Amino acid sequence: MKLIYTVIISLLVLFVVTFSLKNTVPVPLKYYGVIDAKVAAYLLIFMSFFAGIILAGLLDMVERIRLTKTVRRLNRKIGELERKLSDSKSLLVVEEAEPSDQPSETSI
């Protein structure tokens, strides 16, 4: 498994290096007069890629927090329902254990 991981990482690094070497053309980057620069094409692409990864990670964290709250709420509800069920079962056992007024059949 470690060999496969090493091969995949090596191929990924090789891709990044060759991609970077082939896309060194400067690209003008302008944003409403605030940013006015020339950036290599590969840098612009990698910056966009990593910005997307960070944004997706943040959205995933928000979703995980929401799901964790839902799981906690549902676990509390399950606990309450289990307590009610065990209480009702104990009431049934007590009612069945009480002696009845009817004669038993073994006294014949």
PDB file of N, CA and C in Angstrom:
ATOM      1  N   MET A   1       0.826  -1.189   0.000  1.00  0.00           N
ATOM      2  CA  MET A   1       0.000   0.000   0.000  1.00  0.00           C
ATOM      3  C   MET A   1       0.869   1.250   0.000  1.00  0.00           C
ATOM      4  N   LYS A   2       1.958   1.197   0.761  1.00  0.00           N
ATOM      5  CA  LYS A   2       2.846   2.343   0.822  1.00  0.00           C
ATOM      6  C   LYS A   2       3.491   2.598  -0.538  1.00  0.00           C
ATOM      7  N   LEU A   3       3.766   1.542  -1.291  1.00  0.00           N
ATOM      8  CA  LEU A   3       4.347   1.678  -2.624  1.00  0.00           C
ATOM      9  C   LEU A   3       3.357   2.357  -3.569  1.00  0.00           C
ATOM     10  N   ILE A   4       2.104   1.969  -3.517  1.00  0.00           N
ATOM     11  CA  ILE A   4       1.079   2.580  -4.363  1.00  0.00           C
ATOM     12  C   ILE A   4       0.933   4.060  -4.027  1.00  0.00           C
ATOM     13  N   TYR A   5       0.904   4.379  -2.743  1.00  0.00           N
ATOM     14  CA  TYR A   5       0.815   5.771  -2.295  1.00  0.00           C
ATOM     15  C   TYR A   5       1.994   6.577  -2.823  1.00  0.00           C
ATOM     16  N   THR A   6       3.202   6.034  -2.760  1.00  0.00           N
ATOM     17  CA  THR A   6       4.399   6.718  -3.238  1.00  0.00           C
ATOM     18  C   THR A   6       4.340   6.937  -4.750  1.00  0.00           C
ATOM     19  N   VAL A   7       3.867   5.952  -5.488  1.00  0.00           N
ATOM     20  CA  VAL A   7       3.758   6.082  -6.944  1.00  0.00           C
ATOM     21  C   VAL A   7       2.745   7.156  -7.312  1.00  0.00           C
ATOM     22  N   ILE A   8       1.608   7.168  -6.643  1.00  0.00           N
ATOM     23  CA  ILE A   8       0.574   8.174  -6.933  1.00  0.00           C
ATOM     24  C   ILE A   8       1.088   9.579  -6.624  1.00  0.00           C
ATOM     25  N   ILE A   9       1.740   9.759  -5.500  1.00  0.00           N
ATOM     26  CA  ILE A   9       2.291  11.071  -5.136  1.00  0.00           C
ATOM     27  C   ILE A   9       3.365  11.483  -6.138  1.00  0.00           C
ATOM     28  N   SER A  10       4.209  10.554  -6.549  1.00  0.00           N
ATOM     29  CA  SER A  10       5.263  10.858  -7.530  1.00  0.00           C
ATOM     30  C   SER A  10       4.661  11.299  -8.862  1.00  0.00           C
ATOM     31  N   LEU A  11       3.612  10.618  -9.312  1.00  0.00           N
ATOM     32  CA  LEU A  11       2.942  11.004 -10.551  1.00  0.00           C
ATOM     33  C   LEU A  11       2.286  12.375 -10.436  1.00  0.00           C
ATOM     34  N   LEU A  12       1.711  12.657  -9.296  1.00  0.00           N
ATOM     35  CA  LEU A  12       1.093  13.960  -9.066  1.00  0.00           C
ATOM     36  C   LEU A  12       2.137  15.071  -9.090  1.00  0.00           C
ATOM     37  N   VAL A  13       3.267  14.859  -8.435  1.00  0.00           N
ATOM     38  CA  VAL A  13       4.346  15.850  -8.441  1.00  0.00           C
ATOM     39  C   VAL A  13       4.888  16.032  -9.855  1.00  0.00           C
ATOM     40  N   LEU A  14       5.054  14.949 -10.583  1.00  0.00           N
ATOM     41  CA  LEU A  14       5.531  15.030 -11.967  1.00  0.00           C
ATOM     42  C   LEU A  14       4.561  15.836 -12.826  1.00  0.00           C
ATOM     43  N   PHE A  15       3.272  15.625 -12.645  1.00  0.00           N
ATOM     44  CA  PHE A  15       2.266  16.392 -13.374  1.00  0.00           C
ATOM     45  C   PHE A  15       2.364  17.878 -13.056  1.00  0.00           C
ATOM     46  N   VAL A  16       2.464  18.212 -11.779  1.00  0.00           N
ATOM     47  CA  VAL A  16       2.544  19.622 -11.369  1.00  0.00           C
ATOM     48  C   VAL A  16       3.782  20.280 -11.958  1.00  0.00           C
ATOM     49  N   VAL A  17       4.914  19.604 -11.913  1.00  0.00           N
ATOM     50  CA  VAL A  17       6.155  20.185 -12.427  1.00  0.00           C
ATOM     51  C   VAL A  17       6.070  20.390 -13.939  1.00  0.00           C
ATOM     52  N   THR A  18       5.631  19.367 -14.660  1.00  0.00           N
ATOM     53  CA  THR A  18       5.558  19.511 -16.122  1.00  0.00           C
ATOM     54  C   THR A  18       4.506  20.530 -16.533  1.00  0.00           C
ATOM     55  N   PHE A  19       3.398  20.576 -15.820  1.00  0.00           N
ATOM     56  CA  PHE A  19       2.359  21.572 -16.103  1.00  0.00           C
ATOM     57  C   PHE A  19       2.907  22.976 -15.880  1.00  0.00           C
ATOM     58  N   SER A  20       3.638  23.157 -14.795  1.00  0.00           N
ATOM     59  CA  SER A  20       4.207  24.464 -14.477  1.00  0.00           C
ATOM     60  C   SER A  20       5.234  24.894 -15.524  1.00  0.00           C
ATOM     61  N   LEU A  21       6.037  23.973 -16.009  1.00  0.00           N
ATOM     62  CA  LEU A  21       7.063  24.308 -17.002  1.00  0.00           C
ATOM     63  C   LEU A  21       6.450  24.661 -18.360  1.00  0.00           C
ATOM     64  N   LYS A  22       5.336  24.078 -18.704  1.00  0.00           N
ATOM     65  CA  LYS A  22       4.701  24.335 -20.001  1.00  0.00           C
ATOM     66  C   LYS A  22       3.781  25.556 -19.992  1.00  0.00           C
ATOM     67  N   ASN A  23       3.396  26.065 -18.812  1.00  0.00           N
ATOM     68  CA  ASN A  23       2.449  27.182 -18.724  1.00  0.00           C
ATOM     69  C   ASN A  23       3.051  28.369 -17.972  1.00  0.00           C
ATOM     70  N   THR A  24       4.170  28.863 -18.470  1.00  0.00           N
ATOM     71  CA  THR A  24       4.850  29.986 -17.809  1.00  0.00           C
ATOM     72  C   THR A  24       4.485  31.331 -18.423  1.00  0.00           C
ATOM     73  N   VAL A  25       3.566  31.359 -19.376  1.00  0.00           N
ATOM     74  CA  VAL A  25       3.175  32.597 -20.040  1.00  0.00           C
ATOM     75  C   VAL A  25       2.530  33.531 -19.021  1.00  0.00           C
ATOM     76  N   PRO A  26       2.980  34.801 -18.968  1.00  0.00           N
ATOM     77  CA  PRO A  26       2.350  35.739 -18.031  1.00  0.00           C
ATOM     78  C   PRO A  26       0.924  36.097 -18.478  1.00  0.00           C
ATOM     79  N   VAL A  27       0.044  36.104 -17.524  1.00  0.00           N
ATOM     80  CA  VAL A  27      -1.363  36.427 -17.766  1.00  0.00           C
ATOM     81  C   VAL A  27      -1.691  37.687 -16.978  1.00  0.00           C
ATOM     82  N   PRO A  28      -2.282  38.696 -17.640  1.00  0.00           N
ATOM     83  CA  PRO A  28      -2.642  39.907 -16.895  1.00  0.00           C
ATOM     84  C   PRO A  28      -3.799  39.623 -15.935  1.00  0.00           C
ATOM     85  N   LEU A  29      -3.636  40.084 -14.732  1.00  0.00           N
ATOM     86  CA  LEU A  29      -4.645  39.885 -13.693  1.00  0.00           C
ATOM     87  C   LEU A  29      -5.096  41.264 -13.231  1.00  0.00           C
ATOM     88  N   LYS A  30      -6.352  41.610 -13.512  1.00  0.00           N
ATOM     89  CA  LYS A  30      -6.886  42.927 -13.156  1.00  0.00           C
ATOM     90  C   LYS A  30      -8.190  42.738 -12.400  1.00  0.00           C
ATOM     91  N   TYR A  31      -8.369  43.576 -11.387  1.00  0.00           N
ATOM     92  CA  TYR A  31      -9.620  43.537 -10.620  1.00  0.00           C
ATOM     93  C   TYR A  31      -9.961  44.950 -10.170  1.00  0.00           C
ATOM     94  N   TYR A  32     -10.804  45.623 -10.921  1.00  0.00           N
ATOM     95  CA  TYR A  32     -11.324  46.956 -10.618  1.00  0.00           C
ATOM     96  C   TYR A  32     -10.252  47.947 -10.156  1.00  0.00           C
ATOM     97  N   GLY A  33      -9.095  47.866 -10.691  1.00  0.00           N
ATOM     98  CA  GLY A  33      -8.029  48.799 -10.347  1.00  0.00           C
ATOM     99  C   GLY A  33      -7.322  48.487  -9.041  1.00  0.00           C
ATOM    100  N   VAL A  34      -7.851  47.563  -8.255  1.00  0.00           N
ATOM    101  CA  VAL A  34      -7.211  47.189  -6.994  1.00  0.00           C
ATOM    102  C   VAL A  34      -6.011  46.299  -7.269  1.00  0.00           C
ATOM    103  N   ILE A  35      -6.200  45.353  -8.169  1.00  0.00           N
ATOM    104  CA  ILE A  35      -5.123  44.440  -8.546  1.00  0.00           C
ATOM    105  C   ILE A  35      -4.816  44.667 -10.023  1.00  0.00           C
ATOM    106  N   ASP A  36      -3.573  44.907 -10.311  1.00  0.00           N
ATOM    107  CA  ASP A  36      -3.125  45.041 -11.702  1.00  0.00           C
ATOM    108  C   ASP A  36      -1.736  44.423 -11.781  1.00  0.00           C
ATOM    109  N   ALA A  37      -1.694  43.129 -12.134  1.00  0.00           N
ATOM    110  CA  ALA A  37      -0.416  42.418 -12.129  1.00  0.00           C
ATOM    111  C   ALA A  37      -0.389  41.400 -13.246  1.00  0.00           C
ATOM    112  N   LYS A  38       0.791  40.908 -13.523  1.00  0.00           N
ATOM    113  CA  LYS A  38       0.966  39.808 -14.467  1.00  0.00           C
ATOM    114  C   LYS A  38       1.450  38.607 -13.672  1.00  0.00           C
ATOM    115  N   VAL A  39       0.731  37.517 -13.837  1.00  0.00           N
ATOM    116  CA  VAL A  39       1.011  36.299 -13.082  1.00  0.00           C
ATOM    117  C   VAL A  39       1.174  35.161 -14.085  1.00  0.00           C
ATOM    118  N   ALA A  40       2.075  34.238 -13.795  1.00  0.00           N
ATOM    119  CA  ALA A  40       2.242  33.068 -14.652  1.00  0.00           C
ATOM    120  C   ALA A  40       0.940  32.269 -14.678  1.00  0.00           C
ATOM    121  N   ALA A  41       0.623  31.698 -15.812  1.00  0.00           N
ATOM    122  CA  ALA A  41      -0.644  30.986 -15.991  1.00  0.00           C
ATOM    123  C   ALA A  41      -0.788  29.841 -15.004  1.00  0.00           C
ATOM    124  N   TYR A  42       0.285  29.113 -14.779  1.00  0.00           N
ATOM    125  CA  TYR A  42       0.180  27.974 -13.858  1.00  0.00           C
ATOM    126  C   TYR A  42      -0.101  28.438 -12.429  1.00  0.00           C
ATOM    127  N   LEU A  43       0.450  29.598 -12.037  1.00  0.00           N
ATOM    128  CA  LEU A  43       0.166  30.115 -10.693  1.00  0.00           C
ATOM    129  C   LEU A  43      -1.297  30.504 -10.552  1.00  0.00           C
ATOM    130  N   LEU A  44      -1.821  31.132 -11.575  1.00  0.00           N
ATOM    131  CA  LEU A  44      -3.231  31.522 -11.533  1.00  0.00           C
ATOM    132  C   LEU A  44      -4.133  30.293 -11.433  1.00  0.00           C
ATOM    133  N   ILE A  45      -3.796  29.263 -12.188  1.00  0.00           N
ATOM    134  CA  ILE A  45      -4.600  28.032 -12.157  1.00  0.00           C
ATOM    135  C   ILE A  45      -4.486  27.343 -10.800  1.00  0.00           C
ATOM    136  N   PHE A  46      -3.273  27.235 -10.263  1.00  0.00           N
ATOM    137  CA  PHE A  46      -3.092  26.579  -8.964  1.00  0.00           C
ATOM    138  C   PHE A  46      -3.726  27.383  -7.830  1.00  0.00           C
ATOM    139  N   MET A  47      -3.636  28.715  -7.908  1.00  0.00           N
ATOM    140  CA  MET A  47      -4.276  29.540  -6.875  1.00  0.00           C
ATOM    141  C   MET A  47      -5.788  29.343  -6.896  1.00  0.00           C
ATOM    142  N   SER A  48      -6.369  29.276  -8.088  1.00  0.00           N
ATOM    143  CA  SER A  48      -7.814  29.047  -8.203  1.00  0.00           C
ATOM    144  C   SER A  48      -8.183  27.668  -7.666  1.00  0.00           C
ATOM    145  N   PHE A  49      -7.366  26.682  -7.984  1.00  0.00           N
ATOM    146  CA  PHE A  49      -7.608  25.315  -7.523  1.00  0.00           C
ATOM    147  C   PHE A  49      -7.581  25.235  -5.997  1.00  0.00           C
ATOM    148  N   PHE A  50      -6.546  25.833  -5.383  1.00  0.00           N
ATOM    149  CA  PHE A  50      -6.433  25.775  -3.932  1.00  0.00           C
ATOM    150  C   PHE A  50      -7.482  26.630  -3.230  1.00  0.00           C
ATOM    151  N   ALA A  51      -7.890  27.732  -3.853  1.00  0.00           N
ATOM    152  CA  ALA A  51      -8.985  28.526  -3.292  1.00  0.00           C
ATOM    153  C   ALA A  51     -10.274  27.701  -3.290  1.00  0.00           C
ATOM    154  N   GLY A  52     -10.494  26.929  -4.352  1.00  0.00           N
ATOM    155  CA  GLY A  52     -11.664  26.047  -4.407  1.00  0.00           C
ATOM    156  C   GLY A  52     -11.614  24.963  -3.351  1.00  0.00           C
ATOM    157  N   ILE A  53     -10.423  24.407  -3.124  1.00  0.00           N
ATOM    158  CA  ILE A  53     -10.277  23.379  -2.089  1.00  0.00           C
ATOM    159  C   ILE A  53     -10.583  23.959  -0.712  1.00  0.00           C
ATOM    160  N   ILE A  54     -10.073  25.152  -0.452  1.00  0.00           N
ATOM    161  CA  ILE A  54     -10.316  25.786   0.852  1.00  0.00           C
ATOM    162  C   ILE A  54     -11.795  26.103   1.031  1.00  0.00           C
ATOM    163  N   LEU A  55     -12.435  26.641   0.008  1.00  0.00           N
ATOM    164  CA  LEU A  55     -13.861  26.953   0.098  1.00  0.00           C
ATOM    165  C   LEU A  55     -14.692  25.690   0.311  1.00  0.00           C
ATOM    166  N   ALA A  56     -14.372  24.641  -0.425  1.00  0.00           N
ATOM    167  CA  ALA A  56     -15.105  23.378  -0.257  1.00  0.00           C
ATOM    168  C   ALA A  56     -14.885  22.814   1.149  1.00  0.00           C
ATOM    169  N   GLY A  57     -13.670  22.937   1.680  1.00  0.00           N
ATOM    170  CA  GLY A  57     -13.390  22.472   3.039  1.00  0.00           C
ATOM    171  C   GLY A  57     -14.187  23.231   4.080  1.00  0.00           C
ATOM    172  N   LEU A  58     -14.284  24.550   3.905  1.00  0.00           N
ATOM    173  CA  LEU A  58     -15.064  25.350   4.848  1.00  0.00           C
ATOM    174  C   LEU A  58     -16.544  24.983   4.794  1.00  0.00           C
ATOM    175  N   LEU A  59     -17.065  24.803   3.592  1.00  0.00           N
ATOM    176  CA  LEU A  59     -18.467  24.402   3.464  1.00  0.00           C
ATOM    177  C   LEU A  59     -18.701  23.017   4.057  1.00  0.00           C
ATOM    178  N   ASP A  60     -17.731  22.124   3.908  1.00  0.00           N
ATOM    179  CA  ASP A  60     -17.839  20.794   4.493  1.00  0.00           C
ATOM    180  C   ASP A  60     -17.847  20.866   6.021  1.00  0.00           C
ATOM    181  N   MET A  61     -17.018  21.746   6.583  1.00  0.00           N
ATOM    182  CA  MET A  61     -16.995  21.891   8.047  1.00  0.00           C
ATOM    183  C   MET A  61     -18.334  22.400   8.556  1.00  0.00           C
ATOM    184  N   VAL A  62     -18.936  23.353   7.848  1.00  0.00           N
ATOM    185  CA  VAL A  62     -20.247  23.865   8.256  1.00  0.00           C
ATOM    186  C   VAL A  62     -21.283  22.748   8.206  1.00  0.00           C
ATOM    187  N   GLU A  63     -21.244  21.946   7.156  1.00  0.00           N
ATOM    188  CA  GLU A  63     -22.189  20.836   7.026  1.00  0.00           C
ATOM    189  C   GLU A  63     -21.977  19.796   8.122  1.00  0.00           C
ATOM    190  N   ARG A  64     -20.723  19.506   8.448  1.00  0.00           N
ATOM    191  CA  ARG A  64     -20.439  18.537   9.518  1.00  0.00           C
ATOM    192  C   ARG A  64     -20.957  19.033  10.867  1.00  0.00           C
ATOM    193  N   ILE A  65     -20.796  20.318  11.139  1.00  0.00           N
ATOM    194  CA  ILE A  65     -21.290  20.882  12.393  1.00  0.00           C
ATOM    195  C   ILE A  65     -22.809  20.749  12.457  1.00  0.00           C
ATOM    196  N   ARG A  66     -23.484  21.057  11.342  1.00  0.00           N
ATOM    197  CA  ARG A  66     -24.937  20.938  11.304  1.00  0.00           C
ATOM    198  C   ARG A  66     -25.377  19.492  11.517  1.00  0.00           C
ATOM    199  N   LEU A  67     -24.691  18.562  10.867  1.00  0.00           N
ATOM    200  CA  LEU A  67     -25.048  17.149  11.013  1.00  0.00           C
ATOM    201  C   LEU A  67     -24.753  16.635  12.422  1.00  0.00           C
ATOM    202  N   THR A  68     -23.667  17.112  13.033  1.00  0.00           N
ATOM    203  CA  THR A  68     -23.343  16.712  14.411  1.00  0.00           C
ATOM    204  C   THR A  68     -24.438  17.152  15.365  1.00  0.00           C
ATOM    205  N   LYS A  69     -24.936  18.371  15.178  1.00  0.00           N
ATOM    206  CA  LYS A  69     -26.037  18.855  16.028  1.00  0.00           C
ATOM    207  C   LYS A  69     -27.280  18.000  15.832  1.00  0.00           C
ATOM    208  N   THR A  70     -27.566  17.629  14.579  1.00  0.00           N
ATOM    209  CA  THR A  70     -28.734  16.797  14.308  1.00  0.00           C
ATOM    210  C   THR A  70     -28.584  15.422  14.951  1.00  0.00           C
ATOM    211  N   VAL A  71     -27.401  14.840  14.863  1.00  0.00           N
ATOM    212  CA  VAL A  71     -27.157  13.521  15.467  1.00  0.00           C
ATOM    213  C   VAL A  71     -27.319  13.588  16.977  1.00  0.00           C
ATOM    214  N   ARG A  72     -26.784  14.630  17.607  1.00  0.00           N
ATOM    215  CA  ARG A  72     -26.936  14.767  19.065  1.00  0.00           C
ATOM    216  C   ARG A  72     -28.400  14.882  19.456  1.00  0.00           C
ATOM    217  N   ARG A  73     -29.151  15.702  18.700  1.00  0.00           N
ATOM    218  CA  ARG A  73     -30.570  15.878  19.008  1.00  0.00           C
ATOM    219  C   ARG A  73     -31.313  14.552  18.863  1.00  0.00           C
ATOM    220  N   LEU A  74     -31.019  13.815  17.815  1.00  0.00           N
ATOM    221  CA  LEU A  74     -31.692  12.530  17.597  1.00  0.00           C
ATOM    222  C   LEU A  74     -31.271  11.492  18.630  1.00  0.00           C
ATOM    223  N   ASN A  75     -30.009  11.502  19.057  1.00  0.00           N
ATOM    224  CA  ASN A  75     -29.564  10.577  20.104  1.00  0.00           C
ATOM    225  C   ASN A  75     -30.262  10.869  21.424  1.00  0.00           C
ATOM    226  N   ARG A  76     -30.456  12.158  21.737  1.00  0.00           N
ATOM    227  CA  ARG A  76     -31.202  12.509  22.958  1.00  0.00           C
ATOM    228  C   ARG A  76     -32.640  11.989  22.860  1.00  0.00           C
ATOM    229  N   LYS A  77     -33.247  12.149  21.696  1.00  0.00           N
ATOM    230  CA  LYS A  77     -34.620  11.684  21.516  1.00  0.00           C
ATOM    231  C   LYS A  77     -34.688  10.161  21.633  1.00  0.00           C
ATOM    232  N   ILE A  78     -33.714   9.459  21.079  1.00  0.00           N
ATOM    233  CA  ILE A  78     -33.661   7.996  21.201  1.00  0.00           C
ATOM    234  C   ILE A  78     -33.545   7.603  22.663  1.00  0.00           C
ATOM    235  N   GLY A  79     -32.699   8.299  23.410  1.00  0.00           N
ATOM    236  CA  GLY A  79     -32.553   8.007  24.840  1.00  0.00           C
ATOM    237  C   GLY A  79     -33.857   8.186  25.597  1.00  0.00           C
ATOM    238  N   GLU A  80     -34.562   9.283  25.294  1.00  0.00           N
ATOM    239  CA  GLU A  80     -35.845   9.525  25.946  1.00  0.00           C
ATOM    240  C   GLU A  80     -36.848   8.419  25.606  1.00  0.00           C
ATOM    241  N   LEU A  81     -36.900   8.041  24.341  1.00  0.00           N
ATOM    242  CA  LEU A  81     -37.845   6.998  23.929  1.00  0.00           C
ATOM    243  C   LEU A  81     -37.485   5.649  24.537  1.00  0.00           C
ATOM    244  N   GLU A  82     -36.192   5.351  24.657  1.00  0.00           N
ATOM    245  CA  GLU A  82     -35.777   4.093  25.294  1.00  0.00           C
ATOM    246  C   GLU A  82     -36.150   4.085  26.770  1.00  0.00           C
ATOM    247  N   ARG A  83     -35.985   5.234  27.443  1.00  0.00           N
ATOM    248  CA  ARG A  83     -36.392   5.304  28.861  1.00  0.00           C
ATOM    249  C   ARG A  83     -37.898   5.093  29.001  1.00  0.00           C
ATOM    250  N   LYS A  84     -38.674   5.727  28.114  1.00  0.00           N
ATOM    251  CA  LYS A  84     -40.122   5.537  28.173  1.00  0.00           C
ATOM    252  C   LYS A  84     -40.483   4.081  27.918  1.00  0.00           C
ATOM    253  N   LEU A  85     -39.814   3.454  26.974  1.00  0.00           N
ATOM    254  CA  LEU A  85     -40.082   2.049  26.660  1.00  0.00           C
ATOM    255  C   LEU A  85     -39.734   1.153  27.842  1.00  0.00           C
ATOM    256  N   SER A  86     -38.599   1.387  28.471  1.00  0.00           N
ATOM    257  CA  SER A  86     -38.225   0.550  29.618  1.00  0.00           C
ATOM    258  C   SER A  86     -39.170   0.783  30.788  1.00  0.00           C
ATOM    259  N   ASP A  87     -39.640   2.023  30.974  1.00  0.00           N
ATOM    260  CA  ASP A  87     -40.617   2.292  32.036  1.00  0.00           C
ATOM    261  C   ASP A  87     -41.926   1.547  31.764  1.00  0.00           C
ATOM    262  N   SER A  88     -42.359   1.570  30.503  1.00  0.00           N
ATOM    263  CA  SER A  88     -43.612   0.885  30.192  1.00  0.00           C
ATOM    264  C   SER A  88     -43.449  -0.634  30.305  1.00  0.00           C
ATOM    265  N   LYS A  89     -42.280  -1.151  29.975  1.00  0.00           N
ATOM    266  CA  LYS A  89     -42.041  -2.592  30.137  1.00  0.00           C
ATOM    267  C   LYS A  89     -42.026  -2.972  31.608  1.00  0.00           C
ATOM    268  N   SER A  90     -41.444  -2.136  32.452  1.00  0.00           N
ATOM    269  CA  SER A  90     -41.415  -2.451  33.881  1.00  0.00           C
ATOM    270  C   SER A  90     -42.831  -2.403  34.460  1.00  0.00           C
ATOM    271  N   LEU A  91     -43.672  -1.507  33.970  1.00  0.00           N
ATOM    272  CA  LEU A  91     -45.062  -1.474  34.415  1.00  0.00           C
ATOM    273  C   LEU A  91     -45.789  -2.751  33.995  1.00  0.00           C
ATOM    274  N   LEU A  92     -45.529  -3.235  32.795  1.00  0.00           N
ATOM    275  CA  LEU A  92     -46.153  -4.480  32.341  1.00  0.00           C
ATOM    276  C   LEU A  92     -45.717  -5.658  33.201  1.00  0.00           C
ATOM    277  N   VAL A  93     -44.450  -5.711  33.559  1.00  0.00           N
ATOM    278  CA  VAL A  93     -43.939  -6.806  34.377  1.00  0.00           C
ATOM    279  C   VAL A  93     -44.571  -6.758  35.755  1.00  0.00           C
ATOM    280  N   VAL A  94     -44.711  -5.576  36.318  1.00  0.00           N
ATOM    281  CA  VAL A  94     -45.327  -5.444  37.646  1.00  0.00           C
ATOM    282  C   VAL A  94     -46.783  -5.874  37.589  1.00  0.00           C
ATOM    283  N   GLU A  95     -47.503  -5.482  36.550  1.00  0.00           N
ATOM    284  CA  GLU A  95     -48.908  -5.857  36.432  1.00  0.00           C
ATOM    285  C   GLU A  95     -49.062  -7.363  36.267  1.00  0.00           C
ATOM    286  N   GLU A  96     -48.180  -8.018  35.540  1.00  0.00           N
ATOM    287  CA  GLU A  96     -48.265  -9.457  35.343  1.00  0.00           C
ATOM    288  C   GLU A  96     -47.873 -10.201  36.620  1.00  0.00           C
ATOM    289  N   ALA A  97     -47.022  -9.623  37.434  1.00  0.00           N
ATOM    290  CA  ALA A  97     -46.552 -10.294  38.640  1.00  0.00           C
ATOM    291  C   ALA A  97     -47.572 -10.227  39.772  1.00  0.00           C
ATOM    292  N   GLU A  98     -48.536  -9.318  39.734  1.00  0.00           N
ATOM    293  CA  GLU A  98     -49.541  -9.209  40.792  1.00  0.00           C
ATOM    294  C   GLU A  98     -50.433 -10.449  40.767  1.00  0.00           C
ATOM    295  N   PRO A  99     -50.763 -10.969  41.951  1.00  0.00           N
ATOM    296  CA  PRO A  99     -51.617 -12.170  41.988  1.00  0.00           C
ATOM    297  C   PRO A  99     -53.028 -11.827  41.502  1.00  0.00           C
ATOM    298  N   SER A 100     -53.611 -12.747  40.804  1.00  0.00           N
ATOM    299  CA  SER A 100     -54.961 -12.508  40.295  1.00  0.00           C
ATOM    300  C   SER A 100     -55.987 -13.098  41.266  1.00  0.00           C
ATOM    301  N   ASP A 101     -57.204 -12.666  41.160  1.00  0.00           N
ATOM    302  CA  ASP A 101     -58.282 -13.145  42.030  1.00  0.00           C
ATOM    303  C   ASP A 101     -58.874 -14.466  41.541  1.00  0.00           C
ATOM    304  N   GLN A 102     -58.486 -14.921  40.401  1.00  0.00           N
ATOM    305  CA  GLN A 102     -59.031 -16.150  39.862  1.00  0.00           C
ATOM    306  C   GLN A 102     -58.253 -17.339  40.436  1.00  0.00           C
ATOM    307  N   PRO A 103     -58.960 -18.450  40.706  1.00  0.00           N
ATOM    308  CA  PRO A 103     -58.260 -19.637  41.242  1.00  0.00           C
ATOM    309  C   PRO A 103     -57.352 -20.236  40.182  1.00  0.00           C
ATOM    310  N   SER A 104     -56.278 -20.810  40.659  1.00  0.00           N
ATOM    311  CA  SER A 104     -55.359 -21.423  39.723  1.00  0.00           C
ATOM    312  C   SER A 104     -55.862 -22.809  39.339  1.00  0.00           C
ATOM    313  N   GLU A 105     -55.411 -23.327  38.245  1.00  0.00           N
ATOM    314  CA  GLU A 105     -55.889 -24.606  37.728  1.00  0.00           C
ATOM    315  C   GLU A 105     -55.167 -25.772  38.378  1.00  0.00           C
ATOM    316  N   THR A 106     -54.126 -25.550  39.136  1.00  0.00           N
ATOM    317  CA  THR A 106     -53.372 -26.643  39.728  1.00  0.00           C
ATOM    318  C   THR A 106     -54.019 -27.158  41.027  1.00  0.00           C
ATOM    319  N   SER A 107     -55.040 -26.503  41.528  1.00  0.00           N
ATOM    320  CA  SER A 107     -55.656 -26.936  42.768  1.00  0.00           C
ATOM    321  C   SER A 107     -56.748 -27.979  42.544  1.00  0.00           C
ATOM    322  N   ILE A 108     -56.827 -28.596  41.448  1.00  0.00           N
ATOM    323  CA  ILE A 108     -57.868 -29.591  41.157  1.00  0.00           C
ATOM    324  C   ILE A 108     -57.621 -30.858  41.854  1.00  0.00           C
TER     325      ILE A 108
END
